[in-house]
């Protein structure tokens, strides 16, 4: 099946229904050459959206992606590129875990330099900042868009009421509104996308670029027998992630999903990714990989998506209840 492209919420921007992100893998598992191979494999499958963040590997992830895009020689008009701001990469009261105007307006240019572009398509507020007035955040993000250094802005892991508040402020002051939210979404993490945000889709037309469709690899089934050497959960510093995903209570669900995948002739990973993409409120599902072969496998979810009829979706629902 060929790649599908969906509008990012009510904006006119179209993104591939499957996209590629650099969280964890770039720098910690991939050097530039490996990253280039993964990105080229995604590109060859029709991916046009590539996701990053200032804080990933302390800026090194942006640097690696920028180098890879430069070597691949893609025309700037042919891909959609994003980054996120909040966590910061410098110590200091105004540079770490904040969305104050000083930080945001000083962070955008270094990100552009690392990514080797003169503008970003999307910039996100990576988390909500309870210490900065919402008006300040909205004005700063709108000013970044007005400057031409970004074309759209949005949020990541914000509560529905926070997104609505930001949208209302932008609407009231005729500023650039947030058009996208980037939440976690998978068969094992559904509440926010399916319940909390439910009214936002119709009320303000927010789009979704969802992350972790495989619940940090748990939905691949590879952790049923423990943590394999060389996997993400074996990396130093990811003990918190290992504790979060190695929950024996979900093993039965994964086994049940594997049986459905076998019946469809696909992998459990492909089934889980396709299920996320089957939600019409999802603009794109961000996938990750440490090898080009994994990218190719993930893109196989496109074929599975076409086969997720009501009967199969009911089976998946029962398997994960």
C-alpha atoms as a PDB file:
ATOM      1  CA  UNK A   1       0.000   0.000   0.000  1.00  0.00           C
ATOM      2  CA  UNK A   2       1.269   3.468  -0.820  1.00  0.00           C
ATOM      3  CA  UNK A   3       1.828   6.058   1.880  1.00  0.00           C
ATOM      4  CA  UNK A   4      -1.213   8.070   2.916  1.00  0.00           C
ATOM      5  CA  UNK A   5      -1.031  11.771   3.728  1.00  0.00           C
ATOM      6  CA  UNK A   6      -3.348  13.499   6.195  1.00  0.00           C
ATOM      7  CA  UNK A   7      -3.961  17.115   7.071  1.00  0.00           C
ATOM      8  CA  UNK A   8      -2.447  18.212  10.346  1.00  0.00           C
ATOM      9  CA  UNK A   9      -5.712  18.974  12.100  1.00  0.00           C
ATOM     10  CA  UNK A  10      -7.430  21.863  10.336  1.00  0.00           C
ATOM     11  CA  UNK A  11      -4.200  23.299   8.993  1.00  0.00           C
ATOM     12  CA  UNK A  12      -3.383  22.944   5.314  1.00  0.00           C
ATOM     13  CA  UNK A  13      -0.169  21.052   6.055  1.00  0.00           C
ATOM     14  CA  UNK A  14      -0.148  17.383   5.055  1.00  0.00           C
ATOM     15  CA  UNK A  15       2.010  14.793   6.784  1.00  0.00           C
ATOM     16  CA  UNK A  16       2.624  11.134   6.031  1.00  0.00           C
ATOM     17  CA  UNK A  17       0.424   8.894   8.185  1.00  0.00           C
ATOM     18  CA  UNK A  18       3.612   7.154   9.328  1.00  0.00           C
ATOM     19  CA  UNK A  19       6.576   9.348  10.206  1.00  0.00           C
ATOM     20  CA  UNK A  20      10.050   9.002  11.691  1.00  0.00           C
ATOM     21  CA  UNK A  21      11.375  10.340  14.995  1.00  0.00           C
ATOM     22  CA  UNK A  22      14.787  10.396  16.621  1.00  0.00           C
ATOM     23  CA  UNK A  23      14.003  10.019  20.319  1.00  0.00           C
ATOM     24  CA  UNK A  24      16.478   7.719  22.153  1.00  0.00           C
ATOM     25  CA  UNK A  25      18.107   6.203  19.067  1.00  0.00           C
ATOM     26  CA  UNK A  26      19.998   9.168  17.596  1.00  0.00           C
ATOM     27  CA  UNK A  27      23.408   9.467  19.292  1.00  0.00           C
ATOM     28  CA  UNK A  28      22.706   6.829  21.955  1.00  0.00           C
ATOM     29  CA  UNK A  29      22.218   4.020  19.428  1.00  0.00           C
ATOM     30  CA  UNK A  30      22.831   5.589  16.003  1.00  0.00           C
ATOM     31  CA  UNK A  31      25.674   7.591  14.527  1.00  0.00           C
ATOM     32  CA  UNK A  32      25.199   9.791  11.472  1.00  0.00           C
ATOM     33  CA  UNK A  33      25.627   6.998   8.916  1.00  0.00           C
ATOM     34  CA  UNK A  34      23.123   4.708  10.620  1.00  0.00           C
ATOM     35  CA  UNK A  35      20.698   7.592  11.049  1.00  0.00           C
ATOM     36  CA  UNK A  36      21.087   8.443   7.378  1.00  0.00           C
ATOM     37  CA  UNK A  37      20.210   4.872   6.427  1.00  0.00           C
ATOM     38  CA  UNK A  38      17.086   4.916   8.595  1.00  0.00           C
ATOM     39  CA  UNK A  39      15.955   8.270   7.249  1.00  0.00           C
ATOM     40  CA  UNK A  40      16.529   7.227   3.646  1.00  0.00           C
ATOM     41  CA  UNK A  41      14.518   4.042   4.207  1.00  0.00           C
ATOM     42  CA  UNK A  42      11.685   6.115   5.648  1.00  0.00           C
ATOM     43  CA  UNK A  43      11.896   8.580   2.757  1.00  0.00           C
ATOM     44  CA  UNK A  44      11.800   5.737   0.235  1.00  0.00           C
ATOM     45  CA  UNK A  45       8.554   4.535   1.867  1.00  0.00           C
ATOM     46  CA  UNK A  46       6.960   7.966   1.421  1.00  0.00           C
ATOM     47  CA  UNK A  47       7.616   9.468   4.859  1.00  0.00           C
ATOM     48  CA  UNK A  48       7.710  13.267   4.705  1.00  0.00           C
ATOM     49  CA  UNK A  49       7.643  14.144   8.442  1.00  0.00           C
ATOM     50  CA  UNK A  50      10.749  13.894  10.622  1.00  0.00           C
ATOM     51  CA  UNK A  51      10.459  14.655  14.336  1.00  0.00           C
ATOM     52  CA  UNK A  52      13.143  15.827  16.737  1.00  0.00           C
ATOM     53  CA  UNK A  53      13.610  17.836  19.950  1.00  0.00           C
ATOM     54  CA  UNK A  54      16.233  20.172  21.328  1.00  0.00           C
ATOM     55  CA  UNK A  55      16.672  17.995  24.424  1.00  0.00           C
ATOM     56  CA  UNK A  56      17.204  14.689  22.606  1.00  0.00           C
ATOM     57  CA  UNK A  57      20.807  13.720  23.397  1.00  0.00           C
ATOM     58  CA  UNK A  58      21.472  17.297  24.500  1.00  0.00           C
ATOM     59  CA  UNK A  59      21.157  18.720  20.994  1.00  0.00           C
ATOM     60  CA  UNK A  60      23.181  15.978  19.331  1.00  0.00           C
ATOM     61  CA  UNK A  61      20.060  14.365  17.849  1.00  0.00           C
ATOM     62  CA  UNK A  62      19.267  17.577  15.963  1.00  0.00           C
ATOM     63  CA  UNK A  63      22.889  17.785  14.844  1.00  0.00           C
ATOM     64  CA  UNK A  64      22.902  14.224  13.498  1.00  0.00           C
ATOM     65  CA  UNK A  65      19.582  14.664  11.704  1.00  0.00           C
ATOM     66  CA  UNK A  66      20.746  17.933  10.169  1.00  0.00           C
ATOM     67  CA  UNK A  67      23.923  16.313   8.881  1.00  0.00           C
ATOM     68  CA  UNK A  68      21.964  13.382   7.463  1.00  0.00           C
ATOM     69  CA  UNK A  69      19.452  15.592   5.662  1.00  0.00           C
ATOM     70  CA  UNK A  70      22.311  17.644   4.256  1.00  0.00           C
ATOM     71  CA  UNK A  71      24.054  14.575   2.860  1.00  0.00           C
ATOM     72  CA  UNK A  72      20.829  13.119   1.492  1.00  0.00           C
ATOM     73  CA  UNK A  73      20.261  16.359  -0.395  1.00  0.00           C
ATOM     74  CA  UNK A  74      16.493  16.479  -0.040  1.00  0.00           C
ATOM     75  CA  UNK A  75      14.869  19.686  -1.337  1.00  0.00           C
ATOM     76  CA  UNK A  76      13.594  21.739   1.611  1.00  0.00           C
ATOM     77  CA  UNK A  77      10.067  21.856   0.242  1.00  0.00           C
ATOM     78  CA  UNK A  78       9.816  18.064   0.191  1.00  0.00           C
ATOM     79  CA  UNK A  79       9.892  17.283   3.936  1.00  0.00           C
ATOM     80  CA  UNK A  80       8.329  18.474   7.179  1.00  0.00           C
ATOM     81  CA  UNK A  81      10.711  18.976  10.103  1.00  0.00           C
ATOM     82  CA  UNK A  82       9.944  19.604  13.757  1.00  0.00           C
ATOM     83  CA  UNK A  83      11.623  20.208  17.074  1.00  0.00           C
ATOM     84  CA  UNK A  84      10.471  20.835  20.645  1.00  0.00           C
ATOM     85  CA  UNK A  85      11.413  23.226  23.431  1.00  0.00           C
ATOM     86  CA  UNK A  86      11.098  23.033  27.216  1.00  0.00           C
ATOM     87  CA  UNK A  87      13.748  20.855  28.840  1.00  0.00           C
ATOM     88  CA  UNK A  88      16.677  22.885  27.536  1.00  0.00           C
ATOM     89  CA  UNK A  89      20.290  21.879  27.043  1.00  0.00           C
ATOM     90  CA  UNK A  90      21.950  24.472  29.307  1.00  0.00           C
ATOM     91  CA  UNK A  91      21.868  24.702  33.071  1.00  0.00           C
ATOM     92  CA  UNK A  92      20.237  27.806  34.483  1.00  0.00           C
ATOM     93  CA  UNK A  93      16.985  29.149  35.839  1.00  0.00           C
ATOM     94  CA  UNK A  94      15.981  30.550  32.445  1.00  0.00           C
ATOM     95  CA  UNK A  95      17.173  27.697  30.253  1.00  0.00           C
ATOM     96  CA  UNK A  96      15.888  24.539  31.878  1.00  0.00           C
ATOM     97  CA  UNK A  97      12.314  23.217  32.086  1.00  0.00           C
ATOM     98  CA  UNK A  98      10.742  26.505  31.118  1.00  0.00           C
ATOM     99  CA  UNK A  99       8.703  28.136  28.375  1.00  0.00           C
ATOM    100  CA  UNK A 100       9.546  31.722  29.228  1.00  0.00           C
ATOM    101  CA  UNK A 101       9.962  34.146  26.364  1.00  0.00           C
ATOM    102  CA  UNK A 102      13.714  34.539  26.840  1.00  0.00           C
ATOM    103  CA  UNK A 103      14.331  30.813  26.576  1.00  0.00           C
ATOM    104  CA  UNK A 104      12.033  30.210  23.602  1.00  0.00           C
ATOM    105  CA  UNK A 105      13.315  33.088  21.476  1.00  0.00           C
ATOM    106  CA  UNK A 106      16.932  32.224  22.241  1.00  0.00           C
ATOM    107  CA  UNK A 107      16.483  28.477  21.617  1.00  0.00           C
ATOM    108  CA  UNK A 108      15.108  28.622  18.080  1.00  0.00           C
ATOM    109  CA  UNK A 109      18.241  29.846  16.260  1.00  0.00           C
ATOM    110  CA  UNK A 110      20.626  27.208  17.713  1.00  0.00           C
ATOM    111  CA  UNK A 111      18.131  24.485  16.756  1.00  0.00           C
ATOM    112  CA  UNK A 112      18.000  25.827  13.205  1.00  0.00           C
ATOM    113  CA  UNK A 113      21.801  25.791  13.092  1.00  0.00           C
ATOM    114  CA  UNK A 114      22.017  22.199  14.332  1.00  0.00           C
ATOM    115  CA  UNK A 115      19.358  21.053  11.876  1.00  0.00           C
ATOM    116  CA  UNK A 116      20.949  23.093   9.065  1.00  0.00           C
ATOM    117  CA  UNK A 117      17.719  24.733   7.941  1.00  0.00           C
ATOM    118  CA  UNK A 118      16.487  28.318   7.876  1.00  0.00           C
ATOM    119  CA  UNK A 119      13.047  27.432   9.229  1.00  0.00           C
ATOM    120  CA  UNK A 120      11.210  24.604  10.958  1.00  0.00           C
ATOM    121  CA  UNK A 121       7.788  23.444   9.873  1.00  0.00           C
ATOM    122  CA  UNK A 122       6.606  22.671  13.415  1.00  0.00           C
ATOM    123  CA  UNK A 123       7.794  23.745  16.845  1.00  0.00           C
ATOM    124  CA  UNK A 124       6.303  22.291  20.004  1.00  0.00           C
ATOM    125  CA  UNK A 125       6.157  23.278  23.637  1.00  0.00           C
ATOM    126  CA  UNK A 126       7.556  19.966  24.842  1.00  0.00           C
ATOM    127  CA  UNK A 127       5.736  20.083  28.171  1.00  0.00           C
ATOM    128  CA  UNK A 128       3.439  22.505  29.997  1.00  0.00           C
ATOM    129  CA  UNK A 129       5.143  25.132  32.158  1.00  0.00           C
ATOM    130  CA  UNK A 130       3.049  26.047  35.220  1.00  0.00           C
ATOM    131  CA  UNK A 131       5.416  28.877  36.161  1.00  0.00           C
ATOM    132  CA  UNK A 132       5.184  30.916  32.955  1.00  0.00           C
ATOM    133  CA  UNK A 133       1.930  32.800  32.255  1.00  0.00           C
ATOM    134  CA  UNK A 134       0.068  31.239  29.336  1.00  0.00           C
ATOM    135  CA  UNK A 135      -0.145  34.628  27.613  1.00  0.00           C
ATOM    136  CA  UNK A 136       3.653  34.834  27.579  1.00  0.00           C
ATOM    137  CA  UNK A 137       3.993  31.360  26.081  1.00  0.00           C
ATOM    138  CA  UNK A 138       1.387  31.961  23.377  1.00  0.00           C
ATOM    139  CA  UNK A 139       2.820  35.351  22.391  1.00  0.00           C
ATOM    140  CA  UNK A 140       6.361  33.914  22.201  1.00  0.00           C
ATOM    141  CA  UNK A 141       5.340  30.929  20.081  1.00  0.00           C
ATOM    142  CA  UNK A 142       3.227  33.136  17.834  1.00  0.00           C
ATOM    143  CA  UNK A 143       6.140  35.541  17.424  1.00  0.00           C
ATOM    144  CA  UNK A 144       8.413  32.651  16.377  1.00  0.00           C
ATOM    145  CA  UNK A 145       5.894  31.771  13.663  1.00  0.00           C
ATOM    146  CA  UNK A 146       5.519  35.421  12.634  1.00  0.00           C
ATOM    147  CA  UNK A 147       9.310  35.653  12.308  1.00  0.00           C
ATOM    148  CA  UNK A 148       9.283  32.882   9.698  1.00  0.00           C
ATOM    149  CA  UNK A 149      11.588  30.670  11.772  1.00  0.00           C
ATOM    150  CA  UNK A 150       8.715  28.192  12.168  1.00  0.00           C
ATOM    151  CA  UNK A 151       5.527  27.760  10.157  1.00  0.00           C
ATOM    152  CA  UNK A 152       3.226  26.204  12.794  1.00  0.00           C
ATOM    153  CA  UNK A 153       3.349  25.592  16.525  1.00  0.00           C
ATOM    154  CA  UNK A 154       1.821  23.144  18.927  1.00  0.00           C
ATOM    155  CA  UNK A 155       2.157  21.319  22.221  1.00  0.00           C
ATOM    156  CA  UNK A 156       3.292  17.964  23.546  1.00  0.00           C
ATOM    157  CA  UNK A 157       1.782  16.146  26.512  1.00  0.00           C
ATOM    158  CA  UNK A 158      -0.399  19.086  27.526  1.00  0.00           C
ATOM    159  CA  UNK A 159      -3.726  18.615  29.256  1.00  0.00           C
ATOM    160  CA  UNK A 160      -6.816  19.354  27.194  1.00  0.00           C
ATOM    161  CA  UNK A 161      -7.701  22.383  29.321  1.00  0.00           C
ATOM    162  CA  UNK A 162      -4.198  23.816  28.810  1.00  0.00           C
ATOM    163  CA  UNK A 163      -4.425  23.402  25.036  1.00  0.00           C
ATOM    164  CA  UNK A 164      -7.840  25.035  24.995  1.00  0.00           C
ATOM    165  CA  UNK A 165      -6.601  27.932  27.117  1.00  0.00           C
ATOM    166  CA  UNK A 166      -3.678  28.550  24.751  1.00  0.00           C
ATOM    167  CA  UNK A 167      -5.970  28.386  21.723  1.00  0.00           C
ATOM    168  CA  UNK A 168      -8.457  30.807  23.296  1.00  0.00           C
ATOM    169  CA  UNK A 169      -5.721  33.339  24.113  1.00  0.00           C
ATOM    170  CA  UNK A 170      -4.383  33.160  20.564  1.00  0.00           C
ATOM    171  CA  UNK A 171      -7.875  33.523  19.155  1.00  0.00           C
ATOM    172  CA  UNK A 172      -8.675  36.504  21.379  1.00  0.00           C
ATOM    173  CA  UNK A 173      -5.474  38.359  20.430  1.00  0.00           C
ATOM    174  CA  UNK A 174      -5.470  37.289  16.737  1.00  0.00           C
ATOM    175  CA  UNK A 175      -2.229  35.345  17.210  1.00  0.00           C
ATOM    176  CA  UNK A 176      -1.044  32.151  15.550  1.00  0.00           C
ATOM    177  CA  UNK A 177      -2.981  29.334  17.211  1.00  0.00           C
ATOM    178  CA  UNK A 178      -1.592  25.948  18.232  1.00  0.00           C
ATOM    179  CA  UNK A 179      -2.542  23.457  15.510  1.00  0.00           C
ATOM    180  CA  UNK A 180      -1.085  20.204  16.831  1.00  0.00           C
ATOM    181  CA  UNK A 181      -0.536  18.167  19.999  1.00  0.00           C
ATOM    182  CA  UNK A 182       2.010  15.364  20.327  1.00  0.00           C
ATOM    183  CA  UNK A 183       0.801  12.825  22.911  1.00  0.00           C
ATOM    184  CA  UNK A 184       1.811   9.281  23.658  1.00  0.00           C
ATOM    185  CA  UNK A 185      -0.655   6.867  22.043  1.00  0.00           C
ATOM    186  CA  UNK A 186      -0.685   3.094  21.806  1.00  0.00           C
ATOM    187  CA  UNK A 187      -2.852   0.101  22.623  1.00  0.00           C
ATOM    188  CA  UNK A 188      -1.482   0.423  26.154  1.00  0.00           C
ATOM    189  CA  UNK A 189      -1.796   4.224  26.469  1.00  0.00           C
ATOM    190  CA  UNK A 190      -5.166   5.402  25.177  1.00  0.00           C
ATOM    191  CA  UNK A 191      -6.994   7.603  27.675  1.00  0.00           C
ATOM    192  CA  UNK A 192      -5.688  11.018  26.702  1.00  0.00           C
ATOM    193  CA  UNK A 193      -6.182  10.660  22.928  1.00  0.00           C
ATOM    194  CA  UNK A 194      -9.512   8.857  23.091  1.00  0.00           C
ATOM    195  CA  UNK A 195     -11.137  10.553  26.087  1.00  0.00           C
ATOM    196  CA  UNK A 196      -9.449  13.697  27.381  1.00  0.00           C
ATOM    197  CA  UNK A 197      -8.919  15.293  23.962  1.00  0.00           C
ATOM    198  CA  UNK A 198     -12.221  14.106  22.463  1.00  0.00           C
ATOM    199  CA  UNK A 199     -13.871  17.534  22.268  1.00  0.00           C
ATOM    200  CA  UNK A 200     -10.759  19.296  20.949  1.00  0.00           C
ATOM    201  CA  UNK A 201     -10.933  17.615  17.553  1.00  0.00           C
ATOM    202  CA  UNK A 202     -14.272  19.181  16.640  1.00  0.00           C
ATOM    203  CA  UNK A 203     -14.071  22.313  18.785  1.00  0.00           C
ATOM    204  CA  UNK A 204     -10.674  23.657  17.694  1.00  0.00           C
ATOM    205  CA  UNK A 205      -9.523  21.135  15.087  1.00  0.00           C
ATOM    206  CA  UNK A 206      -6.320  20.070  16.817  1.00  0.00           C
ATOM    207  CA  UNK A 207      -4.178  17.539  14.937  1.00  0.00           C
ATOM    208  CA  UNK A 208      -2.145  14.747  16.547  1.00  0.00           C
ATOM    209  CA  UNK A 209       1.398  13.564  15.884  1.00  0.00           C
ATOM    210  CA  UNK A 210       1.458  10.601  18.259  1.00  0.00           C
ATOM    211  CA  UNK A 211       4.555   8.949  19.695  1.00  0.00           C
ATOM    212  CA  UNK A 212       5.517   5.539  21.141  1.00  0.00           C
ATOM    213  CA  UNK A 213       3.039   3.373  19.194  1.00  0.00           C
ATOM    214  CA  UNK A 214       4.942   0.318  20.426  1.00  0.00           C
ATOM    215  CA  UNK A 215       5.013   1.495  24.057  1.00  0.00           C
ATOM    216  CA  UNK A 216       8.834   1.764  23.994  1.00  0.00           C
ATOM    217  CA  UNK A 217       9.111  -1.633  22.315  1.00  0.00           C
ATOM    218  CA  UNK A 218       6.841  -3.507  24.691  1.00  0.00           C
ATOM    219  CA  UNK A 219       4.261  -4.147  21.947  1.00  0.00           C
ATOM    220  CA  UNK A 220       6.850  -5.842  19.746  1.00  0.00           C
ATOM    221  CA  UNK A 221       6.779  -8.788  22.128  1.00  0.00           C
ATOM    222  CA  UNK A 222      10.573  -8.778  22.405  1.00  0.00           C
ATOM    223  CA  UNK A 223      10.471  -8.214  26.173  1.00  0.00           C
ATOM    224  CA  UNK A 224       8.269 -11.194  27.011  1.00  0.00           C
ATOM    225  CA  UNK A 225      11.362 -13.173  27.991  1.00  0.00           C
ATOM    226  CA  UNK A 226      13.335 -10.310  29.539  1.00  0.00           C
ATOM    227  CA  UNK A 227      15.456  -7.436  28.227  1.00  0.00           C
ATOM    228  CA  UNK A 228      17.613  -8.396  25.206  1.00  0.00           C
ATOM    229  CA  UNK A 229      21.175  -7.118  25.162  1.00  0.00           C
ATOM    230  CA  UNK A 230      21.536  -4.057  22.945  1.00  0.00           C
ATOM    231  CA  UNK A 231      17.871  -3.071  23.154  1.00  0.00           C
ATOM    232  CA  UNK A 232      16.713   0.363  24.242  1.00  0.00           C
ATOM    233  CA  UNK A 233      15.811  -0.865  27.717  1.00  0.00           C
ATOM    234  CA  UNK A 234      19.350  -2.145  28.199  1.00  0.00           C
ATOM    235  CA  UNK A 235      20.812   1.341  27.743  1.00  0.00           C
ATOM    236  CA  UNK A 236      22.279   3.092  30.814  1.00  0.00           C
ATOM    237  CA  UNK A 237      19.994   5.836  32.016  1.00  0.00           C
ATOM    238  CA  UNK A 238      16.789   4.146  30.876  1.00  0.00           C
ATOM    239  CA  UNK A 239      16.129   2.207  34.048  1.00  0.00           C
ATOM    240  CA  UNK A 240      13.004   4.322  34.581  1.00  0.00           C
ATOM    241  CA  UNK A 241      11.725   3.230  31.177  1.00  0.00           C
ATOM    242  CA  UNK A 242      12.550  -0.405  31.878  1.00  0.00           C
ATOM    243  CA  UNK A 243      10.589  -0.327  35.095  1.00  0.00           C
ATOM    244  CA  UNK A 244       7.645   1.333  33.350  1.00  0.00           C
ATOM    245  CA  UNK A 245       7.273  -1.137  30.504  1.00  0.00           C
ATOM    246  CA  UNK A 246       8.252  -4.439  32.091  1.00  0.00           C
ATOM    247  CA  UNK A 247       4.829  -4.943  33.622  1.00  0.00           C
ATOM    248  CA  UNK A 248       3.929  -8.651  33.728  1.00  0.00           C
ATOM    249  CA  UNK A 249       0.226  -7.779  33.725  1.00  0.00           C
ATOM    250  CA  UNK A 250       0.389  -6.850  30.029  1.00  0.00           C
ATOM    251  CA  UNK A 251       2.089 -10.009  28.820  1.00  0.00           C
ATOM    252  CA  UNK A 252      -1.201 -11.788  28.160  1.00  0.00           C
ATOM    253  CA  UNK A 253      -2.383  -8.881  26.029  1.00  0.00           C
ATOM    254  CA  UNK A 254       0.754  -9.013  23.923  1.00  0.00           C
ATOM    255  CA  UNK A 255       0.401 -12.756  23.416  1.00  0.00           C
ATOM    256  CA  UNK A 256      -3.206 -12.229  22.320  1.00  0.00           C
ATOM    257  CA  UNK A 257      -2.152  -9.506  19.872  1.00  0.00           C
ATOM    258  CA  UNK A 258       0.547 -11.779  18.459  1.00  0.00           C
ATOM    259  CA  UNK A 259      -2.128 -14.334  17.624  1.00  0.00           C
ATOM    260  CA  UNK A 260      -4.130 -11.716  15.695  1.00  0.00           C
ATOM    261  CA  UNK A 261      -0.973 -10.605  13.893  1.00  0.00           C
ATOM    262  CA  UNK A 262      -0.251 -14.202  12.901  1.00  0.00           C
ATOM    263  CA  UNK A 263      -3.738 -14.500  11.415  1.00  0.00           C
ATOM    264  CA  UNK A 264      -3.141 -11.324   9.392  1.00  0.00           C
ATOM    265  CA  UNK A 265       0.323 -12.430   8.302  1.00  0.00           C
ATOM    266  CA  UNK A 266       2.073  -9.462   9.912  1.00  0.00           C
ATOM    267  CA  UNK A 267       4.223  -8.733  12.942  1.00  0.00           C
ATOM    268  CA  UNK A 268       2.848  -7.572  16.279  1.00  0.00           C
ATOM    269  CA  UNK A 269       4.698  -4.297  15.732  1.00  0.00           C
ATOM    270  CA  UNK A 270       3.004  -3.697  12.400  1.00  0.00           C
ATOM    271  CA  UNK A 271      -0.387  -4.462  13.912  1.00  0.00           C
ATOM    272  CA  UNK A 272       0.168  -2.048  16.813  1.00  0.00           C
ATOM    273  CA  UNK A 273       1.341   0.780  14.527  1.00  0.00           C
ATOM    274  CA  UNK A 274      -1.521   0.231  12.085  1.00  0.00           C
ATOM    275  CA  UNK A 275      -4.028   0.301  14.952  1.00  0.00           C
ATOM    276  CA  UNK A 276      -2.798   3.770  15.982  1.00  0.00           C
ATOM    277  CA  UNK A 277      -3.067   5.016  12.404  1.00  0.00           C
ATOM    278  CA  UNK A 278      -6.617   3.684  12.149  1.00  0.00           C
ATOM    279  CA  UNK A 279      -7.761   6.447  14.516  1.00  0.00           C
ATOM    280  CA  UNK A 280      -9.020   9.222  12.194  1.00  0.00           C
ATOM    281  CA  UNK A 281      -7.998  11.896  14.708  1.00  0.00           C
ATOM    282  CA  UNK A 282      -4.331  10.873  14.370  1.00  0.00           C
ATOM    283  CA  UNK A 283      -2.560  12.873  11.685  1.00  0.00           C
ATOM    284  CA  UNK A 284       0.625  10.825  11.865  1.00  0.00           C
ATOM    285  CA  UNK A 285       2.134   8.017  13.931  1.00  0.00           C
ATOM    286  CA  UNK A 286       5.786   8.713  14.762  1.00  0.00           C
ATOM    287  CA  UNK A 287       7.884   5.568  14.475  1.00  0.00           C
ATOM    288  CA  UNK A 288      11.471   5.014  15.544  1.00  0.00           C
ATOM    289  CA  UNK A 289      14.175   2.543  14.607  1.00  0.00           C
ATOM    290  CA  UNK A 290      17.828   1.760  15.174  1.00  0.00           C
ATOM    291  CA  UNK A 291      18.311  -0.001  11.821  1.00  0.00           C
ATOM    292  CA  UNK A 292      17.041   0.601   8.306  1.00  0.00           C
ATOM    293  CA  UNK A 293      15.552  -2.900   8.349  1.00  0.00           C
ATOM    294  CA  UNK A 294      13.354  -1.891  11.279  1.00  0.00           C
ATOM    295  CA  UNK A 295      12.131   1.123   9.332  1.00  0.00           C
ATOM    296  CA  UNK A 296      11.125  -1.121   6.435  1.00  0.00           C
ATOM    297  CA  UNK A 297       9.292  -3.451   8.823  1.00  0.00           C
ATOM    298  CA  UNK A 298       7.477  -0.556  10.484  1.00  0.00           C
ATOM    299  CA  UNK A 299       6.369   0.800   7.119  1.00  0.00           C
ATOM    300  CA  UNK A 300       4.747  -2.567   6.472  1.00  0.00           C
ATOM    301  CA  UNK A 301       2.026  -1.346   8.844  1.00  0.00           C
ATOM    302  CA  UNK A 302       0.571   0.508   5.843  1.00  0.00           C
ATOM    303  CA  UNK A 303      -0.541  -2.796   4.330  1.00  0.00           C
ATOM    304  CA  UNK A 304      -2.025  -3.880   7.657  1.00  0.00           C
ATOM    305  CA  UNK A 305      -3.919  -0.595   8.008  1.00  0.00           C
ATOM    306  CA  UNK A 306      -5.947  -1.387   4.910  1.00  0.00           C
ATOM    307  CA  UNK A 307      -7.038  -4.678   6.491  1.00  0.00           C
ATOM    308  CA  UNK A 308      -8.219  -3.348   9.852  1.00  0.00           C
ATOM    309  CA  UNK A 309     -11.930  -3.766   9.328  1.00  0.00           C
ATOM    310  CA  UNK A 310     -14.484  -3.651  12.116  1.00  0.00           C
ATOM    311  CA  UNK A 311     -14.135  -7.362  12.883  1.00  0.00           C
ATOM    312  CA  UNK A 312     -10.363  -7.153  13.312  1.00  0.00           C
ATOM    313  CA  UNK A 313     -10.632  -3.981  15.404  1.00  0.00           C
ATOM    314  CA  UNK A 314     -13.158  -5.767  17.655  1.00  0.00           C
ATOM    315  CA  UNK A 315     -10.699  -8.645  18.094  1.00  0.00           C
ATOM    316  CA  UNK A 316      -7.927  -6.206  19.030  1.00  0.00           C
ATOM    317  CA  UNK A 317     -10.234  -4.501  21.511  1.00  0.00           C
ATOM    318  CA  UNK A 318     -11.064  -7.806  23.159  1.00  0.00           C
ATOM    319  CA  UNK A 319      -7.410  -8.872  23.227  1.00  0.00           C
ATOM    320  CA  UNK A 320      -6.321  -5.736  25.090  1.00  0.00           C
ATOM    321  CA  UNK A 321      -9.330  -5.257  27.391  1.00  0.00           C
END
